Amino acid sequence: MDNKNNLNEKTSKAENTQLKDKKTPLTNAQKQQRYRERQKLKGKKEMRGYLSQEALVCYELIQQQTQWSDSIILSNAVRLTYAAYKNGQIGLLNNWLNEHDL
């Protein structure tokens, strides 16, 4: 009997070790979290928001003509807005957008 119990104990320990060795696949939420953490480590910042109808039209035109990703479009929009601000052109830019219903 003791030999049989020892064999069962050894078998169950081996099975437990095999189960622990198998890695459970990551959920989508875990994958997204890891992706966001890697982006933060690269010094990138996530920005979220909703586009107005006018901005959506502009976005679609830019995307079609340049084939840029959302990230590149957003990054360039922020950089261009900053350049207009630093050069005192924000008012001019805003007026042009309003005159052209954009």
PDB file of N, CA and C in Angstrom:
ATOM      1  N   MET A   1       0.815  -1.197   0.000  1.00  0.00           N
ATOM      2  CA  MET A   1       0.000   0.000   0.000  1.00  0.00           C
ATOM      3  C   MET A   1       0.857   1.259   0.000  1.00  0.00           C
ATOM      4  N   ASP A   2       1.916   1.257   0.791  1.00  0.00           N
ATOM      5  CA  ASP A   2       2.773   2.424   0.870  1.00  0.00           C
ATOM      6  C   ASP A   2       3.390   2.758  -0.482  1.00  0.00           C
ATOM      7  N   ASN A   3       3.782   1.756  -1.225  1.00  0.00           N
ATOM      8  CA  ASN A   3       4.351   1.987  -2.552  1.00  0.00           C
ATOM      9  C   ASN A   3       3.319   2.629  -3.473  1.00  0.00           C
ATOM     10  N   LYS A   4       2.087   2.155  -3.365  1.00  0.00           N
ATOM     11  CA  LYS A   4       1.023   2.706  -4.209  1.00  0.00           C
ATOM     12  C   LYS A   4       0.752   4.164  -3.843  1.00  0.00           C
ATOM     13  N   ASN A   5       0.719   4.510  -2.550  1.00  0.00           N
ATOM     14  CA  ASN A   5       0.508   5.884  -2.099  1.00  0.00           C
ATOM     15  C   ASN A   5       1.659   6.776  -2.533  1.00  0.00           C
ATOM     16  N   ASN A   6       2.889   6.288  -2.405  1.00  0.00           N
ATOM     17  CA  ASN A   6       4.055   7.055  -2.833  1.00  0.00           C
ATOM     18  C   ASN A   6       4.005   7.339  -4.326  1.00  0.00           C
ATOM     19  N   LEU A   7       3.586   6.335  -5.105  1.00  0.00           N
ATOM     20  CA  LEU A   7       3.484   6.503  -6.550  1.00  0.00           C
ATOM     21  C   LEU A   7       2.424   7.550  -6.890  1.00  0.00           C
ATOM     22  N   ASN A   8       1.280   7.501  -6.213  1.00  0.00           N
ATOM     23  CA  ASN A   8       0.216   8.487  -6.434  1.00  0.00           C
ATOM     24  C   ASN A   8       0.675   9.896  -6.062  1.00  0.00           C
ATOM     25  N   GLU A   9       1.416  10.020  -4.957  1.00  0.00           N
ATOM     26  CA  GLU A   9       1.923  11.325  -4.541  1.00  0.00           C
ATOM     27  C   GLU A   9       2.894  11.883  -5.571  1.00  0.00           C
ATOM     28  N   LYS A  10       3.791  11.026  -6.062  1.00  0.00           N
ATOM     29  CA  LYS A  10       4.764  11.460  -7.059  1.00  0.00           C
ATOM     30  C   LYS A  10       4.066  11.868  -8.349  1.00  0.00           C
ATOM     31  N   THR A  11       3.045  11.108  -8.758  1.00  0.00           N
ATOM     32  CA  THR A  11       2.304  11.406  -9.986  1.00  0.00           C
ATOM     33  C   THR A  11       1.569  12.735  -9.842  1.00  0.00           C
ATOM     34  N   SER A  12       0.923  12.953  -8.707  1.00  0.00           N
ATOM     35  CA  SER A  12       0.170  14.200  -8.535  1.00  0.00           C
ATOM     36  C   SER A  12       1.118  15.402  -8.443  1.00  0.00           C
ATOM     37  N   LYS A  13       2.299  15.237  -7.838  1.00  0.00           N
ATOM     38  CA  LYS A  13       3.275  16.325  -7.795  1.00  0.00           C
ATOM     39  C   LYS A  13       3.765  16.657  -9.196  1.00  0.00           C
ATOM     40  N   ALA A  14       3.998  15.634 -10.001  1.00  0.00           N
ATOM     41  CA  ALA A  14       4.451  15.853 -11.372  1.00  0.00           C
ATOM     42  C   ALA A  14       3.367  16.569 -12.175  1.00  0.00           C
ATOM     43  N   GLU A  15       2.120  16.177 -11.988  1.00  0.00           N
ATOM     44  CA  GLU A  15       1.011  16.830 -12.697  1.00  0.00           C
ATOM     45  C   GLU A  15       0.894  18.291 -12.286  1.00  0.00           C
ATOM     46  N   ASN A  16       1.028  18.572 -10.990  1.00  0.00           N
ATOM     47  CA  ASN A  16       0.961  19.955 -10.506  1.00  0.00           C
ATOM     48  C   ASN A  16       2.083  20.797 -11.090  1.00  0.00           C
ATOM     49  N   THR A  17       3.283  20.227 -11.171  1.00  0.00           N
ATOM     50  CA  THR A  17       4.423  20.941 -11.741  1.00  0.00           C
ATOM     51  C   THR A  17       4.154  21.259 -13.208  1.00  0.00           C
ATOM     52  N   GLN A  18       3.591  20.296 -13.946  1.00  0.00           N
ATOM     53  CA  GLN A  18       3.288  20.525 -15.365  1.00  0.00           C
ATOM     54  C   GLN A  18       2.245  21.619 -15.526  1.00  0.00           C
ATOM     55  N   LEU A  19       1.251  21.624 -14.658  1.00  0.00           N
ATOM     56  CA  LEU A  19       0.213  22.660 -14.737  1.00  0.00           C
ATOM     57  C   LEU A  19       0.797  24.035 -14.450  1.00  0.00           C
ATOM     58  N   LYS A  20       1.721  24.140 -13.497  1.00  0.00           N
ATOM     59  CA  LYS A  20       2.331  25.413 -13.170  1.00  0.00           C
ATOM     60  C   LYS A  20       3.231  25.900 -14.295  1.00  0.00           C
ATOM     61  N   ASP A  21       3.873  24.956 -15.004  1.00  0.00           N
ATOM     62  CA  ASP A  21       4.781  25.324 -16.084  1.00  0.00           C
ATOM     63  C   ASP A  21       4.043  25.906 -17.283  1.00  0.00           C
ATOM     64  N   LYS A  22       2.807  25.489 -17.494  1.00  0.00           N
ATOM     65  CA  LYS A  22       2.029  26.019 -18.614  1.00  0.00           C
ATOM     66  C   LYS A  22       1.625  27.453 -18.302  1.00  0.00           C
ATOM     67  N   LYS A  23       1.943  28.342 -19.210  1.00  0.00           N
ATOM     68  CA  LYS A  23       1.570  29.744 -19.007  1.00  0.00           C
ATOM     69  C   LYS A  23       0.161  29.958 -19.541  1.00  0.00           C
ATOM     70  N   THR A  24      -0.635  30.639 -18.750  1.00  0.00           N
ATOM     71  CA  THR A  24      -1.972  30.957 -19.220  1.00  0.00           C
ATOM     72  C   THR A  24      -1.875  32.117 -20.192  1.00  0.00           C
ATOM     73  N   PRO A  25      -2.621  32.061 -21.282  1.00  0.00           N
ATOM     74  CA  PRO A  25      -2.566  33.163 -22.249  1.00  0.00           C
ATOM     75  C   PRO A  25      -3.083  34.450 -21.626  1.00  0.00           C
ATOM     76  N   LEU A  26      -2.527  35.559 -22.085  1.00  0.00           N
ATOM     77  CA  LEU A  26      -2.943  36.862 -21.572  1.00  0.00           C
ATOM     78  C   LEU A  26      -4.300  37.243 -22.150  1.00  0.00           C
ATOM     79  N   THR A  27      -5.089  37.925 -21.351  1.00  0.00           N
ATOM     80  CA  THR A  27      -6.361  38.443 -21.845  1.00  0.00           C
ATOM     81  C   THR A  27      -6.079  39.686 -22.678  1.00  0.00           C
ATOM     82  N   ASN A  28      -7.063  40.107 -23.446  1.00  0.00           N
ATOM     83  CA  ASN A  28      -6.890  41.328 -24.243  1.00  0.00           C
ATOM     84  C   ASN A  28      -6.593  42.528 -23.357  1.00  0.00           C
ATOM     85  N   ALA A  29      -7.245  42.604 -22.206  1.00  0.00           N
ATOM     86  CA  ALA A  29      -7.014  43.725 -21.293  1.00  0.00           C
ATOM     87  C   ALA A  29      -5.567  43.721 -20.801  1.00  0.00           C
ATOM     88  N   GLN A  30      -5.028  42.534 -20.509  1.00  0.00           N
ATOM     89  CA  GLN A  30      -3.638  42.447 -20.066  1.00  0.00           C
ATOM     90  C   GLN A  30      -2.678  42.844 -21.185  1.00  0.00           C
ATOM     91  N   LYS A  31      -2.983  42.423 -22.404  1.00  0.00           N
ATOM     92  CA  LYS A  31      -2.147  42.788 -23.552  1.00  0.00           C
ATOM     93  C   LYS A  31      -2.157  44.300 -23.763  1.00  0.00           C
ATOM     94  N   GLN A  32      -3.346  44.904 -23.668  1.00  0.00           N
ATOM     95  CA  GLN A  32      -3.457  46.353 -23.834  1.00  0.00           C
ATOM     96  C   GLN A  32      -2.692  47.088 -22.745  1.00  0.00           C
ATOM     97  N   GLN A  33      -2.775  46.585 -21.512  1.00  0.00           N
ATOM     98  CA  GLN A  33      -2.063  47.212 -20.400  1.00  0.00           C
ATOM     99  C   GLN A  33      -0.554  47.151 -20.628  1.00  0.00           C
ATOM    100  N   ARG A  34      -0.055  46.000 -21.075  1.00  0.00           N
ATOM    101  CA  ARG A  34       1.380  45.864 -21.348  1.00  0.00           C
ATOM    102  C   ARG A  34       1.804  46.807 -22.467  1.00  0.00           C
ATOM    103  N   TYR A  35       0.962  46.923 -23.510  1.00  0.00           N
ATOM    104  CA  TYR A  35       1.271  47.821 -24.622  1.00  0.00           C
ATOM    105  C   TYR A  35       1.361  49.266 -24.133  1.00  0.00           C
ATOM    106  N   ARG A  36       0.387  49.684 -23.329  1.00  0.00           N
ATOM    107  CA  ARG A  36       0.391  51.059 -22.804  1.00  0.00           C
ATOM    108  C   ARG A  36       1.616  51.314 -21.928  1.00  0.00           C
ATOM    109  N   GLU A  37       1.977  50.325 -21.131  1.00  0.00           N
ATOM    110  CA  GLU A  37       3.159  50.486 -20.276  1.00  0.00           C
ATOM    111  C   GLU A  37       4.430  50.635 -21.112  1.00  0.00           C
ATOM    112  N   ARG A  38       4.544  49.847 -22.181  1.00  0.00           N
ATOM    113  CA  ARG A  38       5.722  49.960 -23.055  1.00  0.00           C
ATOM    114  C   ARG A  38       5.759  51.317 -23.737  1.00  0.00           C
ATOM    115  N   GLN A  39       4.601  51.833 -24.156  1.00  0.00           N
ATOM    116  CA  GLN A  39       4.557  53.148 -24.793  1.00  0.00           C
ATOM    117  C   GLN A  39       4.976  54.238 -23.808  1.00  0.00           C
ATOM    118  N   LYS A  40       4.520  54.139 -22.560  1.00  0.00           N
ATOM    119  CA  LYS A  40       4.901  55.118 -21.538  1.00  0.00           C
ATOM    120  C   LYS A  40       6.402  55.085 -21.300  1.00  0.00           C
ATOM    121  N   LEU A  41       6.974  53.872 -21.284  1.00  0.00           N
ATOM    122  CA  LEU A  41       8.422  53.750 -21.097  1.00  0.00           C
ATOM    123  C   LEU A  41       9.196  54.403 -22.243  1.00  0.00           C
ATOM    124  N   LYS A  42       8.583  54.449 -23.426  1.00  0.00           N
ATOM    125  CA  LYS A  42       9.213  55.095 -24.580  1.00  0.00           C
ATOM    126  C   LYS A  42       9.016  56.608 -24.538  1.00  0.00           C
ATOM    127  N   GLY A  43       8.313  57.100 -23.521  1.00  0.00           N
ATOM    128  CA  GLY A  43       8.095  58.539 -23.384  1.00  0.00           C
ATOM    129  C   GLY A  43       6.880  59.043 -24.136  1.00  0.00           C
ATOM    130  N   LYS A  44       6.003  58.148 -24.558  1.00  0.00           N
ATOM    131  CA  LYS A  44       4.807  58.566 -25.297  1.00  0.00           C
ATOM    132  C   LYS A  44       3.644  58.755 -24.340  1.00  0.00           C
ATOM    133  N   LYS A  45       2.722  59.636 -24.730  1.00  0.00           N
ATOM    134  CA  LYS A  45       1.545  59.924 -23.909  1.00  0.00           C
ATOM    135  C   LYS A  45       0.297  59.610 -24.714  1.00  0.00           C
ATOM    136  N   GLU A  46      -0.634  58.945 -24.067  1.00  0.00           N
ATOM    137  CA  GLU A  46      -1.897  58.630 -24.727  1.00  0.00           C
ATOM    138  C   GLU A  46      -2.836  59.824 -24.605  1.00  0.00           C
ATOM    139  N   MET A  47      -3.458  60.201 -25.726  1.00  0.00           N
ATOM    140  CA  MET A  47      -4.445  61.277 -25.731  1.00  0.00           C
ATOM    141  C   MET A  47      -5.737  60.709 -26.311  1.00  0.00           C
ATOM    142  N   ARG A  48      -6.830  61.093 -25.697  1.00  0.00           N
ATOM    143  CA  ARG A  48      -8.122  60.597 -26.170  1.00  0.00           C
ATOM    144  C   ARG A  48      -9.085  61.766 -26.299  1.00  0.00           C
ATOM    145  N   GLY A  49     -10.005  61.623 -27.203  1.00  0.00           N
ATOM    146  CA  GLY A  49     -11.022  62.645 -27.369  1.00  0.00           C
ATOM    147  C   GLY A  49     -11.911  62.294 -28.544  1.00  0.00           C
ATOM    148  N   TYR A  50     -12.849  63.150 -28.814  1.00  0.00           N
ATOM    149  CA  TYR A  50     -13.781  62.950 -29.911  1.00  0.00           C
ATOM    150  C   TYR A  50     -13.635  64.094 -30.903  1.00  0.00           C
ATOM    151  N   LEU A  51     -13.740  63.777 -32.177  1.00  0.00           N
ATOM    152  CA  LEU A  51     -13.620  64.784 -33.228  1.00  0.00           C
ATOM    153  C   LEU A  51     -14.988  65.355 -33.559  1.00  0.00           C
ATOM    154  N   SER A  52     -15.018  66.652 -33.800  1.00  0.00           N
ATOM    155  CA  SER A  52     -16.243  67.281 -34.283  1.00  0.00           C
ATOM    156  C   SER A  52     -16.453  66.835 -35.726  1.00  0.00           C
ATOM    157  N   GLN A  53     -17.617  67.105 -36.270  1.00  0.00           N
ATOM    158  CA  GLN A  53     -17.900  66.744 -37.662  1.00  0.00           C
ATOM    159  C   GLN A  53     -16.912  67.420 -38.611  1.00  0.00           C
ATOM    160  N   GLU A  54     -16.619  68.690 -38.327  1.00  0.00           N
ATOM    161  CA  GLU A  54     -15.683  69.427 -39.178  1.00  0.00           C
ATOM    162  C   GLU A  54     -14.278  68.815 -39.108  1.00  0.00           C
ATOM    163  N   ALA A  55     -13.848  68.482 -37.898  1.00  0.00           N
ATOM    164  CA  ALA A  55     -12.524  67.888 -37.725  1.00  0.00           C
ATOM    165  C   ALA A  55     -12.461  66.499 -38.354  1.00  0.00           C
ATOM    166  N   LEU A  56     -13.558  65.767 -38.308  1.00  0.00           N
ATOM    167  CA  LEU A  56     -13.597  64.426 -38.902  1.00  0.00           C
ATOM    168  C   LEU A  56     -13.402  64.498 -40.412  1.00  0.00           C
ATOM    169  N   VAL A  57     -14.002  65.503 -41.051  1.00  0.00           N
ATOM    170  CA  VAL A  57     -13.816  65.691 -42.493  1.00  0.00           C
ATOM    171  C   VAL A  57     -12.338  65.950 -42.790  1.00  0.00           C
ATOM    172  N   CYS A  58     -11.731  66.828 -42.009  1.00  0.00           N
ATOM    173  CA  CYS A  58     -10.308  67.144 -42.184  1.00  0.00           C
ATOM    174  C   CYS A  58      -9.455  65.896 -41.957  1.00  0.00           C
ATOM    175  N   TYR A  59      -9.767  65.161 -40.905  1.00  0.00           N
ATOM    176  CA  TYR A  59      -9.020  63.939 -40.584  1.00  0.00           C
ATOM    177  C   TYR A  59      -9.058  62.956 -41.754  1.00  0.00           C
ATOM    178  N   GLU A  60     -10.261  62.732 -42.293  1.00  0.00           N
ATOM    179  CA  GLU A  60     -10.398  61.762 -43.389  1.00  0.00           C
ATOM    180  C   GLU A  60      -9.609  62.194 -44.619  1.00  0.00           C
ATOM    181  N   LEU A  61      -9.634  63.496 -44.931  1.00  0.00           N
ATOM    182  CA  LEU A  61      -8.859  63.994 -46.077  1.00  0.00           C
ATOM    183  C   LEU A  61      -7.355  63.814 -45.856  1.00  0.00           C
ATOM    184  N   ILE A  62      -6.894  64.154 -44.663  1.00  0.00           N
ATOM    185  CA  ILE A  62      -5.467  64.005 -44.356  1.00  0.00           C
ATOM    186  C   ILE A  62      -5.069  62.535 -44.422  1.00  0.00           C
ATOM    187  N   GLN A  63      -5.879  61.674 -43.845  1.00  0.00           N
ATOM    188  CA  GLN A  63      -5.559  60.247 -43.809  1.00  0.00           C
ATOM    189  C   GLN A  63      -5.498  59.653 -45.218  1.00  0.00           C
ATOM    190  N   GLN A  64      -6.446  60.032 -46.057  1.00  0.00           N
ATOM    191  CA  GLN A  64      -6.470  59.519 -47.436  1.00  0.00           C
ATOM    192  C   GLN A  64      -5.256  59.989 -48.231  1.00  0.00           C
ATOM    193  N   GLN A  65      -4.903  61.257 -48.071  1.00  0.00           N
ATOM    194  CA  GLN A  65      -3.817  61.815 -48.875  1.00  0.00           C
ATOM    195  C   GLN A  65      -2.436  61.415 -48.375  1.00  0.00           C
ATOM    196  N   THR A  66      -2.296  61.206 -47.067  1.00  0.00           N
ATOM    197  CA  THR A  66      -0.959  60.942 -46.514  1.00  0.00           C
ATOM    198  C   THR A  66      -0.742  59.493 -46.098  1.00  0.00           C
ATOM    199  N   GLN A  67      -1.828  58.760 -45.857  1.00  0.00           N
ATOM    200  CA  GLN A  67      -1.768  57.392 -45.324  1.00  0.00           C
ATOM    201  C   GLN A  67      -1.119  57.345 -43.936  1.00  0.00           C
ATOM    202  N   TRP A  68      -1.179  58.471 -43.207  1.00  0.00           N
ATOM    203  CA  TRP A  68      -0.622  58.523 -41.861  1.00  0.00           C
ATOM    204  C   TRP A  68      -1.527  57.786 -40.885  1.00  0.00           C
ATOM    205  N   SER A  69      -0.926  57.261 -39.823  1.00  0.00           N
ATOM    206  CA  SER A  69      -1.690  56.618 -38.750  1.00  0.00           C
ATOM    207  C   SER A  69      -2.344  57.706 -37.893  1.00  0.00           C
ATOM    208  N   ASP A  70      -3.269  57.291 -37.052  1.00  0.00           N
ATOM    209  CA  ASP A  70      -3.917  58.238 -36.132  1.00  0.00           C
ATOM    210  C   ASP A  70      -2.885  58.929 -35.245  1.00  0.00           C
ATOM    211  N   SER A  71      -1.896  58.168 -34.798  1.00  0.00           N
ATOM    212  CA  SER A  71      -0.860  58.734 -33.925  1.00  0.00           C
ATOM    213  C   SER A  71      -0.083  59.838 -34.620  1.00  0.00           C
ATOM    214  N   ILE A  72       0.288  59.603 -35.859  1.00  0.00           N
ATOM    215  CA  ILE A  72       1.068  60.600 -36.596  1.00  0.00           C
ATOM    216  C   ILE A  72       0.223  61.832 -36.872  1.00  0.00           C
ATOM    217  N   ILE A  73      -1.033  61.635 -37.258  1.00  0.00           N
ATOM    218  CA  ILE A  73      -1.923  62.770 -37.513  1.00  0.00           C
ATOM    219  C   ILE A  73      -2.075  63.610 -36.250  1.00  0.00           C
ATOM    220  N   LEU A  74      -2.315  62.959 -35.114  1.00  0.00           N
ATOM    221  CA  LEU A  74      -2.493  63.690 -33.860  1.00  0.00           C
ATOM    222  C   LEU A  74      -1.205  64.402 -33.449  1.00  0.00           C
ATOM    223  N   SER A  75      -0.086  63.710 -33.552  1.00  0.00           N
ATOM    224  CA  SER A  75       1.196  64.325 -33.192  1.00  0.00           C
ATOM    225  C   SER A  75       1.477  65.548 -34.055  1.00  0.00           C
ATOM    226  N   ASN A  76       1.262  65.432 -35.356  1.00  0.00           N
ATOM    227  CA  ASN A  76       1.513  66.565 -36.246  1.00  0.00           C
ATOM    228  C   ASN A  76       0.540  67.707 -35.996  1.00  0.00           C
ATOM    229  N   ALA A  77      -0.713  67.384 -35.686  1.00  0.00           N
ATOM    230  CA  ALA A  77      -1.697  68.435 -35.393  1.00  0.00           C
ATOM    231  C   ALA A  77      -1.275  69.241 -34.167  1.00  0.00           C
ATOM    232  N   VAL A  78      -0.811  68.556 -33.138  1.00  0.00           N
ATOM    233  CA  VAL A  78      -0.371  69.250 -31.925  1.00  0.00           C
ATOM    234  C   VAL A  78       0.867  70.091 -32.226  1.00  0.00           C
ATOM    235  N   ARG A  79       1.821  69.546 -32.968  1.00  0.00           N
ATOM    236  CA  ARG A  79       3.045  70.271 -33.291  1.00  0.00           C
ATOM    237  C   ARG A  79       2.757  71.499 -34.157  1.00  0.00           C
ATOM    238  N   LEU A  80       1.864  71.358 -35.139  1.00  0.00           N
ATOM    239  CA  LEU A  80       1.522  72.487 -36.003  1.00  0.00           C
ATOM    240  C   LEU A  80       0.769  73.573 -35.229  1.00  0.00           C
ATOM    241  N   THR A  81      -0.110  73.156 -34.339  1.00  0.00           N
ATOM    242  CA  THR A  81      -0.827  74.126 -33.518  1.00  0.00           C
ATOM    243  C   THR A  81       0.149  74.882 -32.624  1.00  0.00           C
ATOM    244  N   TYR A  82       1.096  74.170 -32.068  1.00  0.00           N
ATOM    245  CA  TYR A  82       2.109  74.816 -31.232  1.00  0.00           C
ATOM    246  C   TYR A  82       2.942  75.806 -32.051  1.00  0.00           C
ATOM    247  N   ALA A  83       3.327  75.400 -33.265  1.00  0.00           N
ATOM    248  CA  ALA A  83       4.117  76.293 -34.127  1.00  0.00           C
ATOM    249  C   ALA A  83       3.323  77.555 -34.450  1.00  0.00           C
ATOM    250  N   ALA A  84       2.025  77.405 -34.741  1.00  0.00           N
ATOM    251  CA  ALA A  84       1.186  78.575 -35.022  1.00  0.00           C
ATOM    252  C   ALA A  84       1.098  79.464 -33.786  1.00  0.00           C
ATOM    253  N   TYR A  85       0.972  78.866 -32.637  1.00  0.00           N
ATOM    254  CA  TYR A  85       0.904  79.620 -31.376  1.00  0.00           C
ATOM    255  C   TYR A  85       2.198  80.409 -31.144  1.00  0.00           C
ATOM    256  N   LYS A  86       3.334  79.725 -31.275  1.00  0.00           N
ATOM    257  CA  LYS A  86       4.621  80.369 -31.018  1.00  0.00           C
ATOM    258  C   LYS A  86       4.917  81.496 -32.007  1.00  0.00           C
ATOM    259  N   ASN A  87       4.355  81.411 -33.209  1.00  0.00           N
ATOM    260  CA  ASN A  87       4.593  82.428 -34.222  1.00  0.00           C
ATOM    261  C   ASN A  87       3.461  83.444 -34.308  1.00  0.00           C
ATOM    262  N   GLY A  88       2.571  83.431 -33.315  1.00  0.00           N
ATOM    263  CA  GLY A  88       1.490  84.408 -33.269  1.00  0.00           C
ATOM    264  C   GLY A  88       0.463  84.246 -34.382  1.00  0.00           C
ATOM    265  N   GLN A  89       0.303  83.032 -34.872  1.00  0.00           N
ATOM    266  CA  GLN A  89      -0.599  82.798 -35.998  1.00  0.00           C
ATOM    267  C   GLN A  89      -1.884  82.073 -35.621  1.00  0.00           C
ATOM    268  N   ILE A  90      -2.130  81.860 -34.336  1.00  0.00           N
ATOM    269  CA  ILE A  90      -3.333  81.128 -33.920  1.00  0.00           C
ATOM    270  C   ILE A  90      -4.598  81.833 -34.382  1.00  0.00           C
ATOM    271  N   GLY A  91      -4.666  83.149 -34.225  1.00  0.00           N
ATOM    272  CA  GLY A  91      -5.847  83.916 -34.660  1.00  0.00           C
ATOM    273  C   GLY A  91      -6.068  83.768 -36.151  1.00  0.00           C
ATOM    274  N   LEU A  92      -5.009  83.897 -36.923  1.00  0.00           N
ATOM    275  CA  LEU A  92      -5.101  83.744 -38.377  1.00  0.00           C
ATOM    276  C   LEU A  92      -5.589  82.341 -38.746  1.00  0.00           C
ATOM    277  N   LEU A  93      -5.032  81.359 -38.105  1.00  0.00           N
ATOM    278  CA  LEU A  93      -5.425  79.968 -38.361  1.00  0.00           C
ATOM    279  C   LEU A  93      -6.888  79.740 -37.992  1.00  0.00           C
ATOM    280  N   ASN A  94      -7.301  80.242 -36.839  1.00  0.00           N
ATOM    281  CA  ASN A  94      -8.691  80.097 -36.396  1.00  0.00           C
ATOM    282  C   ASN A  94      -9.650  80.784 -37.360  1.00  0.00           C
ATOM    283  N   ASN A  95      -9.310  81.997 -37.792  1.00  0.00           N
ATOM    284  CA  ASN A  95     -10.155  82.714 -38.748  1.00  0.00           C
ATOM    285  C   ASN A  95     -10.288  81.939 -40.049  1.00  0.00           C
ATOM    286  N   TRP A  96      -9.191  81.410 -40.542  1.00  0.00           N
ATOM    287  CA  TRP A  96      -9.234  80.646 -41.802  1.00  0.00           C
ATOM    288  C   TRP A  96     -10.131  79.421 -41.654  1.00  0.00           C
ATOM    289  N   LEU A  97     -10.013  78.716 -40.524  1.00  0.00           N
ATOM    290  CA  LEU A  97     -10.869  77.538 -40.283  1.00  0.00           C
ATOM    291  C   LEU A  97     -12.347  77.928 -40.234  1.00  0.00           C
ATOM    292  N   ASN A  98     -12.647  79.047 -39.561  1.00  0.00           N
ATOM    293  CA  ASN A  98     -14.055  79.497 -39.463  1.00  0.00           C
ATOM    294  C   ASN A  98     -14.589  79.950 -40.829  1.00  0.00           C
ATOM    295  N   GLU A  99     -13.776  80.642 -41.609  1.00  0.00           N
ATOM    296  CA  GLU A  99     -14.220  81.106 -42.935  1.00  0.00           C
ATOM    297  C   GLU A  99     -14.491  79.957 -43.879  1.00  0.00           C
ATOM    298  N   HIS A 100     -13.799  78.854 -43.689  1.00  0.00           N
ATOM    299  CA  HIS A 100     -13.968  77.701 -44.569  1.00  0.00           C
ATOM    300  C   HIS A 100     -14.817  76.603 -43.955  1.00  0.00           C
ATOM    301  N   ASP A 101     -15.536  76.954 -42.871  1.00  0.00           N
ATOM    302  CA  ASP A 101     -16.435  76.018 -42.181  1.00  0.00           C
ATOM    303  C   ASP A 101     -15.758  74.705 -41.827  1.00  0.00           C
ATOM    304  N   LEU A 102     -14.552  74.800 -41.324  1.00  0.00           N
ATOM    305  CA  LEU A 102     -13.816  73.596 -40.917  1.00  0.00           C
ATOM    306  C   LEU A 102     -13.575  73.579 -39.420  1.00  0.00           C
TER     307      LEU A 102
END
